[in-house]
Amino acid sequence: MSAPVATGLARPLSPQVPPLSRMAFAVARTVMAWETRRIERHALRRLDDHMLRDIGLPVDEARAEAQKPFWRA
């Protein structure tokens, strides 16, 4: 599963942006990706086998993805 990226955060920063701001922006982007993964994996855990098959996910792959920690892609 890939985490969707908010539209405003997907654009590259201008070279004129100060380095500290670039770092803060990178941290914010990472935290948002982690939160998205956490929410998606929690939702995946709540789906039963029938629902997983219905959306085309193999049950074993879905369970393995749901068990990953949020920081691992």
PDB file of N, CA and C in Angstrom:
ATOM      1  N   MET A   1       0.840  -1.176   0.000  1.00  0.00           N
ATOM      2  CA  MET A   1       0.000   0.000   0.000  1.00  0.00           C
ATOM      3  C   MET A   1       0.880   1.232   0.000  1.00  0.00           C
ATOM      4  N   SER A   2       0.534   2.164  -0.821  1.00  0.00           N
ATOM      5  CA  SER A   2       1.279   3.411  -0.792  1.00  0.00           C
ATOM      6  C   SER A   2       0.407   4.494  -0.174  1.00  0.00           C
ATOM      7  N   ALA A   3       1.056   5.343   0.554  1.00  0.00           N
ATOM      8  CA  ALA A   3       0.329   6.415   1.228  1.00  0.00           C
ATOM      9  C   ALA A   3       0.092   7.580   0.285  1.00  0.00           C
ATOM     10  N   PRO A   4      -1.136   8.077   0.237  1.00  0.00           N
ATOM     11  CA  PRO A   4      -1.378   9.250  -0.596  1.00  0.00           C
ATOM     12  C   PRO A   4      -0.706  10.463   0.009  1.00  0.00           C
ATOM     13  N   VAL A   5      -0.285  11.366  -0.845  1.00  0.00           N
ATOM     14  CA  VAL A   5       0.384  12.576  -0.394  1.00  0.00           C
ATOM     15  C   VAL A   5      -0.545  13.751  -0.621  1.00  0.00           C
ATOM     16  N   ALA A   6      -0.662  14.603   0.378  1.00  0.00           N
ATOM     17  CA  ALA A   6      -1.490  15.794   0.239  1.00  0.00           C
ATOM     18  C   ALA A   6      -0.953  16.639  -0.910  1.00  0.00           C
ATOM     19  N   THR A   7      -1.828  17.205  -1.706  1.00  0.00           N
ATOM     20  CA  THR A   7      -1.453  17.929  -2.906  1.00  0.00           C
ATOM     21  C   THR A   7      -0.433  19.026  -2.641  1.00  0.00           C
ATOM     22  N   GLY A   8      -0.632  19.834  -1.637  1.00  0.00           N
ATOM     23  CA  GLY A   8       0.267  20.931  -1.357  1.00  0.00           C
ATOM     24  C   GLY A   8       1.654  20.497  -0.934  1.00  0.00           C
ATOM     25  N   LEU A   9       1.774  19.310  -0.396  1.00  0.00           N
ATOM     26  CA  LEU A   9       3.074  18.841   0.076  1.00  0.00           C
ATOM     27  C   LEU A   9       3.846  18.079  -0.994  1.00  0.00           C
ATOM     28  N   ALA A  10       3.231  17.796  -2.119  1.00  0.00           N
ATOM     29  CA  ALA A  10       3.889  17.025  -3.162  1.00  0.00           C
ATOM     30  C   ALA A  10       4.767  17.904  -4.050  1.00  0.00           C
ATOM     31  N   ARG A  11       4.507  19.193  -4.070  1.00  0.00           N
ATOM     32  CA  ARG A  11       5.286  20.094  -4.917  1.00  0.00           C
ATOM     33  C   ARG A  11       6.674  20.302  -4.336  1.00  0.00           C
ATOM     34  N   PRO A  12       7.689  20.392  -5.219  1.00  0.00           N
ATOM     35  CA  PRO A  12       9.040  20.679  -4.717  1.00  0.00           C
ATOM     36  C   PRO A  12       9.132  22.108  -4.191  1.00  0.00           C
ATOM     37  N   LEU A  13       9.995  22.304  -3.231  1.00  0.00           N
ATOM     38  CA  LEU A  13      10.179  23.637  -2.653  1.00  0.00           C
ATOM     39  C   LEU A  13      11.089  24.468  -3.544  1.00  0.00           C
ATOM     40  N   SER A  14      10.876  25.740  -3.508  1.00  0.00           N
ATOM     41  CA  SER A  14      11.709  26.684  -4.243  1.00  0.00           C
ATOM     42  C   SER A  14      13.122  26.677  -3.653  1.00  0.00           C
ATOM     43  N   PRO A  15      14.146  26.878  -4.496  1.00  0.00           N
ATOM     44  CA  PRO A  15      15.517  26.932  -3.971  1.00  0.00           C
ATOM     45  C   PRO A  15      15.737  28.084  -2.994  1.00  0.00           C
ATOM     46  N   GLN A  16      14.866  29.085  -3.003  1.00  0.00           N
ATOM     47  CA  GLN A  16      15.031  30.223  -2.108  1.00  0.00           C
ATOM     48  C   GLN A  16      14.561  29.930  -0.682  1.00  0.00           C
ATOM     49  N   VAL A  17      13.929  28.793  -0.454  1.00  0.00           N
ATOM     50  CA  VAL A  17      13.443  28.455   0.882  1.00  0.00           C
ATOM     51  C   VAL A  17      14.646  28.161   1.782  1.00  0.00           C
ATOM     52  N   PRO A  18      14.699  28.769   2.956  1.00  0.00           N
ATOM     53  CA  PRO A  18      15.838  28.549   3.862  1.00  0.00           C
ATOM     54  C   PRO A  18      15.980  27.075   4.263  1.00  0.00           C
ATOM     55  N   PRO A  19      17.215  26.649   4.512  1.00  0.00           N
ATOM     56  CA  PRO A  19      17.476  25.234   4.843  1.00  0.00           C
ATOM     57  C   PRO A  19      16.681  24.734   6.052  1.00  0.00           C
ATOM     58  N   LEU A  20      16.534  25.557   7.083  1.00  0.00           N
ATOM     59  CA  LEU A  20      15.788  25.119   8.257  1.00  0.00           C
ATOM     60  C   LEU A  20      14.314  24.883   7.909  1.00  0.00           C
ATOM     61  N   SER A  21      13.762  25.728   7.057  1.00  0.00           N
ATOM     62  CA  SER A  21      12.381  25.551   6.610  1.00  0.00           C
ATOM     63  C   SER A  21      12.242  24.290   5.774  1.00  0.00           C
ATOM     64  N   ARG A  22      13.242  24.021   4.946  1.00  0.00           N
ATOM     65  CA  ARG A  22      13.224  22.790   4.142  1.00  0.00           C
ATOM     66  C   ARG A  22      13.206  21.552   5.048  1.00  0.00           C
ATOM     67  N   MET A  23      14.023  21.594   6.109  1.00  0.00           N
ATOM     68  CA  MET A  23      14.064  20.458   7.040  1.00  0.00           C
ATOM     69  C   MET A  23      12.733  20.305   7.760  1.00  0.00           C
ATOM     70  N   ALA A  24      12.141  21.401   8.211  1.00  0.00           N
ATOM     71  CA  ALA A  24      10.848  21.339   8.900  1.00  0.00           C
ATOM     72  C   ALA A  24       9.777  20.784   7.966  1.00  0.00           C
ATOM     73  N   PHE A  25       9.822  21.201   6.719  1.00  0.00           N
ATOM     74  CA  PHE A  25       8.860  20.726   5.738  1.00  0.00           C
ATOM     75  C   PHE A  25       9.034  19.219   5.506  1.00  0.00           C
ATOM     76  N   ALA A  26      10.289  18.773   5.423  1.00  0.00           N
ATOM     77  CA  ALA A  26      10.559  17.345   5.229  1.00  0.00           C
ATOM     78  C   ALA A  26      10.056  16.529   6.419  1.00  0.00           C
ATOM     79  N   VAL A  27      10.238  17.042   7.623  1.00  0.00           N
ATOM     80  CA  VAL A  27       9.748  16.352   8.823  1.00  0.00           C
ATOM     81  C   VAL A  27       8.227  16.278   8.792  1.00  0.00           C
ATOM     82  N   ALA A  28       7.574  17.387   8.438  1.00  0.00           N
ATOM     83  CA  ALA A  28       6.105  17.405   8.372  1.00  0.00           C
ATOM     84  C   ALA A  28       5.600  16.411   7.332  1.00  0.00           C
ATOM     85  N   ARG A  29       6.259  16.346   6.194  1.00  0.00           N
ATOM     86  CA  ARG A  29       5.855  15.410   5.131  1.00  0.00           C
ATOM     87  C   ARG A  29       5.997  13.967   5.618  1.00  0.00           C
ATOM     88  N   THR A  30       7.075  13.666   6.324  1.00  0.00           N
ATOM     89  CA  THR A  30       7.299  12.319   6.846  1.00  0.00           C
ATOM     90  C   THR A  30       6.246  11.949   7.884  1.00  0.00           C
ATOM     91  N   VAL A  31       5.961  12.862   8.795  1.00  0.00           N
ATOM     92  CA  VAL A  31       4.954  12.598   9.829  1.00  0.00           C
ATOM     93  C   VAL A  31       3.581  12.366   9.196  1.00  0.00           C
ATOM     94  N   MET A  32       3.257  13.127   8.165  1.00  0.00           N
ATOM     95  CA  MET A  32       1.969  12.923   7.484  1.00  0.00           C
ATOM     96  C   MET A  32       1.910  11.555   6.820  1.00  0.00           C
ATOM     97  N   ALA A  33       3.004  11.125   6.214  1.00  0.00           N
ATOM     98  CA  ALA A  33       3.039   9.798   5.589  1.00  0.00           C
ATOM     99  C   ALA A  33       2.869   8.708   6.647  1.00  0.00           C
ATOM    100  N   TRP A  34       3.544   8.874   7.787  1.00  0.00           N
ATOM    101  CA  TRP A  34       3.404   7.904   8.873  1.00  0.00           C
ATOM    102  C   TRP A  34       1.970   7.821   9.364  1.00  0.00           C
ATOM    103  N   GLU A  35       1.345   8.978   9.551  1.00  0.00           N
ATOM    104  CA  GLU A  35      -0.040   9.004  10.050  1.00  0.00           C
ATOM    105  C   GLU A  35      -0.985   8.346   9.052  1.00  0.00           C
ATOM    106  N   THR A  36      -0.770   8.607   7.781  1.00  0.00           N
ATOM    107  CA  THR A  36      -1.608   7.985   6.751  1.00  0.00           C
ATOM    108  C   THR A  36      -1.453   6.473   6.780  1.00  0.00           C
ATOM    109  N   ARG A  37      -0.205   5.990   6.877  1.00  0.00           N
ATOM    110  CA  ARG A  37       0.019   4.540   6.961  1.00  0.00           C
ATOM    111  C   ARG A  37      -0.638   3.947   8.190  1.00  0.00           C
ATOM    112  N   ARG A  38      -0.515   4.632   9.330  1.00  0.00           N
ATOM    113  CA  ARG A  38      -1.113   4.128  10.575  1.00  0.00           C
ATOM    114  C   ARG A  38      -2.620   3.973  10.423  1.00  0.00           C
ATOM    115  N   ILE A  39      -3.276   4.975   9.859  1.00  0.00           N
ATOM    116  CA  ILE A  39      -4.729   4.943   9.677  1.00  0.00           C
ATOM    117  C   ILE A  39      -5.122   3.839   8.700  1.00  0.00           C
ATOM    118  N   GLU A  40      -4.405   3.742   7.568  1.00  0.00           N
ATOM    119  CA  GLU A  40      -4.740   2.731   6.567  1.00  0.00           C
ATOM    120  C   GLU A  40      -4.541   1.315   7.102  1.00  0.00           C
ATOM    121  N   ARG A  41      -3.460   1.107   7.847  1.00  0.00           N
ATOM    122  CA  ARG A  41      -3.204  -0.236   8.374  1.00  0.00           C
ATOM    123  C   ARG A  41      -4.196  -0.606   9.470  1.00  0.00           C
ATOM    124  N   HIS A  42      -4.618   0.378  10.227  1.00  0.00           N
ATOM    125  CA  HIS A  42      -5.646   0.114  11.233  1.00  0.00           C
ATOM    126  C   HIS A  42      -6.954  -0.282  10.543  1.00  0.00           C
ATOM    127  N   ALA A  43      -7.314   0.424   9.479  1.00  0.00           N
ATOM    128  CA  ALA A  43      -8.540   0.097   8.733  1.00  0.00           C
ATOM    129  C   ALA A  43      -8.418  -1.284   8.097  1.00  0.00           C
ATOM    130  N   LEU A  44      -7.251  -1.620   7.598  1.00  0.00           N
ATOM    131  CA  LEU A  44      -7.031  -2.925   6.981  1.00  0.00           C
ATOM    132  C   LEU A  44      -7.219  -4.050   7.998  1.00  0.00           C
ATOM    133  N   ARG A  45      -6.776  -3.820   9.232  1.00  0.00           N
ATOM    134  CA  ARG A  45      -6.945  -4.821  10.298  1.00  0.00           C
ATOM    135  C   ARG A  45      -8.409  -5.113  10.591  1.00  0.00           C
ATOM    136  N   ARG A  46      -9.259  -4.121  10.392  1.00  0.00           N
ATOM    137  CA  ARG A  46     -10.682  -4.287  10.726  1.00  0.00           C
ATOM    138  C   ARG A  46     -11.473  -5.021   9.645  1.00  0.00           C
ATOM    139  N   LEU A  47     -10.893  -5.194   8.451  1.00  0.00           N
ATOM    140  CA  LEU A  47     -11.617  -5.879   7.371  1.00  0.00           C
ATOM    141  C   LEU A  47     -11.571  -7.385   7.571  1.00  0.00           C
ATOM    142  N   ASP A  48     -12.709  -8.042   7.353  1.00  0.00           N
ATOM    143  CA  ASP A  48     -12.717  -9.503   7.463  1.00  0.00           C
ATOM    144  C   ASP A  48     -12.267 -10.114   6.131  1.00  0.00           C
ATOM    145  N   ASP A  49     -12.107 -11.438   6.112  1.00  0.00           N
ATOM    146  CA  ASP A  49     -11.599 -12.127   4.927  1.00  0.00           C
ATOM    147  C   ASP A  49     -12.468 -11.880   3.702  1.00  0.00           C
ATOM    148  N   HIS A  50     -13.773 -11.892   3.874  1.00  0.00           N
ATOM    149  CA  HIS A  50     -14.693 -11.664   2.757  1.00  0.00           C
ATOM    150  C   HIS A  50     -14.488 -10.269   2.166  1.00  0.00           C
ATOM    151  N   MET A  51     -14.363  -9.265   3.012  1.00  0.00           N
ATOM    152  CA  MET A  51     -14.164  -7.898   2.522  1.00  0.00           C
ATOM    153  C   MET A  51     -12.832  -7.762   1.784  1.00  0.00           C
ATOM    154  N   LEU A  52     -11.789  -8.403   2.315  1.00  0.00           N
ATOM    155  CA  LEU A  52     -10.482  -8.343   1.651  1.00  0.00           C
ATOM    156  C   LEU A  52     -10.540  -8.974   0.267  1.00  0.00           C
ATOM    157  N   ARG A  53     -11.179 -10.134   0.161  1.00  0.00           N
ATOM    158  CA  ARG A  53     -11.316 -10.774  -1.150  1.00  0.00           C
ATOM    159  C   ARG A  53     -12.150  -9.901  -2.078  1.00  0.00           C
ATOM    160  N   ASP A  54     -13.164  -9.255  -1.536  1.00  0.00           N
ATOM    161  CA  ASP A  54     -14.048  -8.407  -2.332  1.00  0.00           C
ATOM    162  C   ASP A  54     -13.297  -7.238  -2.961  1.00  0.00           C
ATOM    163  N   ILE A  55     -12.321  -6.694  -2.265  1.00  0.00           N
ATOM    164  CA  ILE A  55     -11.555  -5.577  -2.820  1.00  0.00           C
ATOM    165  C   ILE A  55     -10.291  -6.053  -3.532  1.00  0.00           C
ATOM    166  N   GLY A  56     -10.114  -7.363  -3.622  1.00  0.00           N
ATOM    167  CA  GLY A  56      -9.020  -7.925  -4.405  1.00  0.00           C
ATOM    168  C   GLY A  56      -7.686  -8.027  -3.704  1.00  0.00           C
ATOM    169  N   LEU A  57      -7.690  -8.030  -2.385  1.00  0.00           N
ATOM    170  CA  LEU A  57      -6.444  -8.193  -1.635  1.00  0.00           C
ATOM    171  C   LEU A  57      -6.360  -9.614  -1.088  1.00  0.00           C
ATOM    172  N   PRO A  58      -5.245 -10.298  -1.354  1.00  0.00           N
ATOM    173  CA  PRO A  58      -5.070 -11.617  -0.736  1.00  0.00           C
ATOM    174  C   PRO A  58      -5.013 -11.453   0.789  1.00  0.00           C
ATOM    175  N   VAL A  59      -5.701 -12.317   1.486  1.00  0.00           N
ATOM    176  CA  VAL A  59      -5.831 -12.215   2.936  1.00  0.00           C
ATOM    177  C   VAL A  59      -4.465 -12.222   3.623  1.00  0.00           C
ATOM    178  N   ASP A  60      -3.576 -13.120   3.212  1.00  0.00           N
ATOM    179  CA  ASP A  60      -2.264 -13.203   3.867  1.00  0.00           C
ATOM    180  C   ASP A  60      -1.438 -11.934   3.634  1.00  0.00           C
ATOM    181  N   GLU A  61      -1.506 -11.357   2.430  1.00  0.00           N
ATOM    182  CA  GLU A  61      -0.773 -10.120   2.164  1.00  0.00           C
ATOM    183  C   GLU A  61      -1.352  -8.953   2.959  1.00  0.00           C
ATOM    184  N   ALA A  62      -2.667  -8.895   3.053  1.00  0.00           N
ATOM    185  CA  ALA A  62      -3.312  -7.820   3.808  1.00  0.00           C
ATOM    186  C   ALA A  62      -2.955  -7.909   5.286  1.00  0.00           C
ATOM    187  N   ARG A  63      -2.952  -9.107   5.829  1.00  0.00           N
ATOM    188  CA  ARG A  63      -2.604  -9.285   7.244  1.00  0.00           C
ATOM    189  C   ARG A  63      -1.145  -8.896   7.496  1.00  0.00           C
ATOM    190  N   ALA A  64      -0.259  -9.275   6.565  1.00  0.00           N
ATOM    191  CA  ALA A  64       1.159  -8.921   6.712  1.00  0.00           C
ATOM    192  C   ALA A  64       1.341  -7.405   6.655  1.00  0.00           C
ATOM    193  N   GLU A  65       0.645  -6.746   5.741  1.00  0.00           N
ATOM    194  CA  GLU A  65       0.729  -5.285   5.636  1.00  0.00           C
ATOM    195  C   GLU A  65       0.186  -4.618   6.894  1.00  0.00           C
ATOM    196  N   ALA A  66      -0.901  -5.130   7.420  1.00  0.00           N
ATOM    197  CA  ALA A  66      -1.523  -4.534   8.604  1.00  0.00           C
ATOM    198  C   ALA A  66      -0.642  -4.671   9.840  1.00  0.00           C
ATOM    199  N   GLN A  67       0.232  -5.660   9.866  1.00  0.00           N
ATOM    200  CA  GLN A  67       1.089  -5.871  11.038  1.00  0.00           C
ATOM    201  C   GLN A  67       2.357  -5.017  11.007  1.00  0.00           C
ATOM    202  N   LYS A  68       2.660  -4.391   9.873  1.00  0.00           N
ATOM    203  CA  LYS A  68       3.871  -3.575   9.777  1.00  0.00           C
ATOM    204  C   LYS A  68       3.740  -2.342  10.677  1.00  0.00           C
ATOM    205  N   PRO A  69       4.838  -1.888  11.257  1.00  0.00           N
ATOM    206  CA  PRO A  69       4.793  -0.639  12.005  1.00  0.00           C
ATOM    207  C   PRO A  69       4.618   0.539  11.037  1.00  0.00           C
ATOM    208  N   PHE A  70       4.080   1.637  11.531  1.00  0.00           N
ATOM    209  CA  PHE A  70       3.752   2.778  10.676  1.00  0.00           C
ATOM    210  C   PHE A  70       4.963   3.359   9.968  1.00  0.00           C
ATOM    211  N   TRP A  71       6.144   3.229  10.534  1.00  0.00           N
ATOM    212  CA  TRP A  71       7.312   3.869   9.934  1.00  0.00           C
ATOM    213  C   TRP A  71       7.905   3.052   8.783  1.00  0.00           C
ATOM    214  N   ARG A  72       7.460   1.802   8.625  1.00  0.00           N
ATOM    215  CA  ARG A  72       7.989   0.972   7.552  1.00  0.00           C
ATOM    216  C   ARG A  72       7.066   1.046   6.336  1.00  0.00           C
ATOM    217  N   ALA A  73       7.645   1.372   5.187  1.00  0.00           N
ATOM    218  CA  ALA A  73       6.859   1.484   3.953  1.00  0.00           C
ATOM    219  C   ALA A  73       6.515   0.130   3.385  1.00  0.00           C
TER     220      ALA A  73
END
